[in-house]
Amino acid sequence: MTERYDQPSDLIDHCLRPLSLDHESAAFEEACLRLSYVLESYQRRLTEAGQPVEVDFARTAETV
């Protein structure tokens, strides 16, 4: 079953989970802020261009 990520924070958490980072650390917070900015900017640009903003992560290779 494919998980659906509707919010950037959900996708960021999914991507950072294998790293087992301390969620209270400054590094984790900074990574989340930066990734959130990237995802929201990308989503805004695609929406403005009239393109769909959906990616199927079920095909993402397992790296861990």
C-alpha atoms as a PDB file:
ATOM      1  CA  MET A   1       0.000   0.000   0.000  1.00  0.00           C
ATOM      2  CA  THR A   2       1.335   3.415  -0.956  1.00  0.00           C
ATOM      3  CA  GLU A   3       1.515   6.051   1.735  1.00  0.00           C
ATOM      4  CA  ARG A   4       0.166   9.464   0.813  1.00  0.00           C
ATOM      5  CA  TYR A   5       1.955  12.568   2.013  1.00  0.00           C
ATOM      6  CA  ASP A   6      -0.258  15.632   1.830  1.00  0.00           C
ATOM      7  CA  GLN A   7       1.907  17.940   3.903  1.00  0.00           C
ATOM      8  CA  PRO A   8       5.607  18.725   3.385  1.00  0.00           C
ATOM      9  CA  SER A   9       6.262  17.856   7.038  1.00  0.00           C
ATOM     10  CA  ASP A  10       4.954  14.302   6.456  1.00  0.00           C
ATOM     11  CA  LEU A  11       7.283  13.762   3.516  1.00  0.00           C
ATOM     12  CA  ILE A  12      10.239  15.289   5.357  1.00  0.00           C
ATOM     13  CA  ASP A  13       9.651  13.009   8.338  1.00  0.00           C
ATOM     14  CA  HIS A  14       9.471   9.994   6.006  1.00  0.00           C
ATOM     15  CA  CYS A  15      12.752  10.954   4.314  1.00  0.00           C
ATOM     16  CA  LEU A  16      14.657  11.690   7.524  1.00  0.00           C
ATOM     17  CA  ARG A  17      13.345   8.677   9.489  1.00  0.00           C
ATOM     18  CA  PRO A  18      16.106   6.243   8.353  1.00  0.00           C
ATOM     19  CA  LEU A  19      18.732   8.624   9.732  1.00  0.00           C
ATOM     20  CA  SER A  20      17.436   8.227  13.305  1.00  0.00           C
ATOM     21  CA  LEU A  21      18.132  11.872  14.086  1.00  0.00           C
ATOM     22  CA  ASP A  22      17.223  13.427  17.410  1.00  0.00           C
ATOM     23  CA  HIS A  23      14.019  15.356  16.687  1.00  0.00           C
ATOM     24  CA  GLU A  24      14.975  17.879  19.366  1.00  0.00           C
ATOM     25  CA  SER A  25      18.374  18.713  17.876  1.00  0.00           C
ATOM     26  CA  ALA A  26      19.172  21.985  16.142  1.00  0.00           C
ATOM     27  CA  ALA A  27      20.448  20.054  13.109  1.00  0.00           C
ATOM     28  CA  PHE A  28      17.118  18.242  12.704  1.00  0.00           C
ATOM     29  CA  GLU A  29      15.188  21.492  13.005  1.00  0.00           C
ATOM     30  CA  GLU A  30      17.419  23.194  10.428  1.00  0.00           C
ATOM     31  CA  ALA A  31      17.104  20.266   8.010  1.00  0.00           C
ATOM     32  CA  CYS A  32      13.306  20.368   8.350  1.00  0.00           C
ATOM     33  CA  LEU A  33      13.191  24.117   7.732  1.00  0.00           C
ATOM     34  CA  ARG A  34      15.355  23.872   4.632  1.00  0.00           C
ATOM     35  CA  LEU A  35      13.538  20.884   3.171  1.00  0.00           C
ATOM     36  CA  SER A  36      10.169  22.461   3.910  1.00  0.00           C
ATOM     37  CA  TYR A  37      11.191  25.597   2.041  1.00  0.00           C
ATOM     38  CA  VAL A  38      12.358  23.549  -0.951  1.00  0.00           C
ATOM     39  CA  LEU A  39       9.201  21.442  -1.117  1.00  0.00           C
ATOM     40  CA  GLU A  40       6.824  24.355  -0.683  1.00  0.00           C
ATOM     41  CA  SER A  41       8.680  26.433  -3.289  1.00  0.00           C
ATOM     42  CA  TYR A  42       8.666  23.535  -5.755  1.00  0.00           C
ATOM     43  CA  GLN A  43       4.980  22.861  -5.140  1.00  0.00           C
ATOM     44  CA  ARG A  44       4.108  26.557  -5.591  1.00  0.00           C
ATOM     45  CA  ARG A  45       6.019  26.750  -8.897  1.00  0.00           C
ATOM     46  CA  LEU A  46       4.348  23.619 -10.251  1.00  0.00           C
ATOM     47  CA  THR A  47       0.922  24.866  -9.209  1.00  0.00           C
ATOM     48  CA  GLU A  48       1.546  28.215 -10.890  1.00  0.00           C
ATOM     49  CA  ALA A  49       2.626  26.382 -14.055  1.00  0.00           C
ATOM     50  CA  GLY A  50      -0.552  24.285 -13.979  1.00  0.00           C
ATOM     51  CA  GLN A  51       1.316  21.034 -13.444  1.00  0.00           C
ATOM     52  CA  PRO A  52       0.179  18.278 -11.066  1.00  0.00           C
ATOM     53  CA  VAL A  53       2.049  18.087  -7.772  1.00  0.00           C
ATOM     54  CA  GLU A  54       1.997  14.399  -7.008  1.00  0.00           C
ATOM     55  CA  VAL A  55       4.870  11.936  -6.819  1.00  0.00           C
ATOM     56  CA  ASP A  56       4.541   8.203  -6.252  1.00  0.00           C
ATOM     57  CA  PHE A  57       7.204   7.258  -3.724  1.00  0.00           C
ATOM     58  CA  ALA A  58       6.283   3.588  -3.923  1.00  0.00           C
ATOM     59  CA  ARG A  59       8.959   3.274  -6.630  1.00  0.00           C
ATOM     60  CA  THR A  60      11.649   4.839  -4.458  1.00  0.00           C
ATOM     61  CA  ALA A  61      14.529   2.416  -4.002  1.00  0.00           C
ATOM     62  CA  GLU A  62      15.284   1.226  -0.501  1.00  0.00           C
ATOM     63  CA  THR A  63      18.673   2.590   0.505  1.00  0.00           C
ATOM     64  CA  VAL A  64      18.704   1.456   4.108  1.00  0.00           C
END
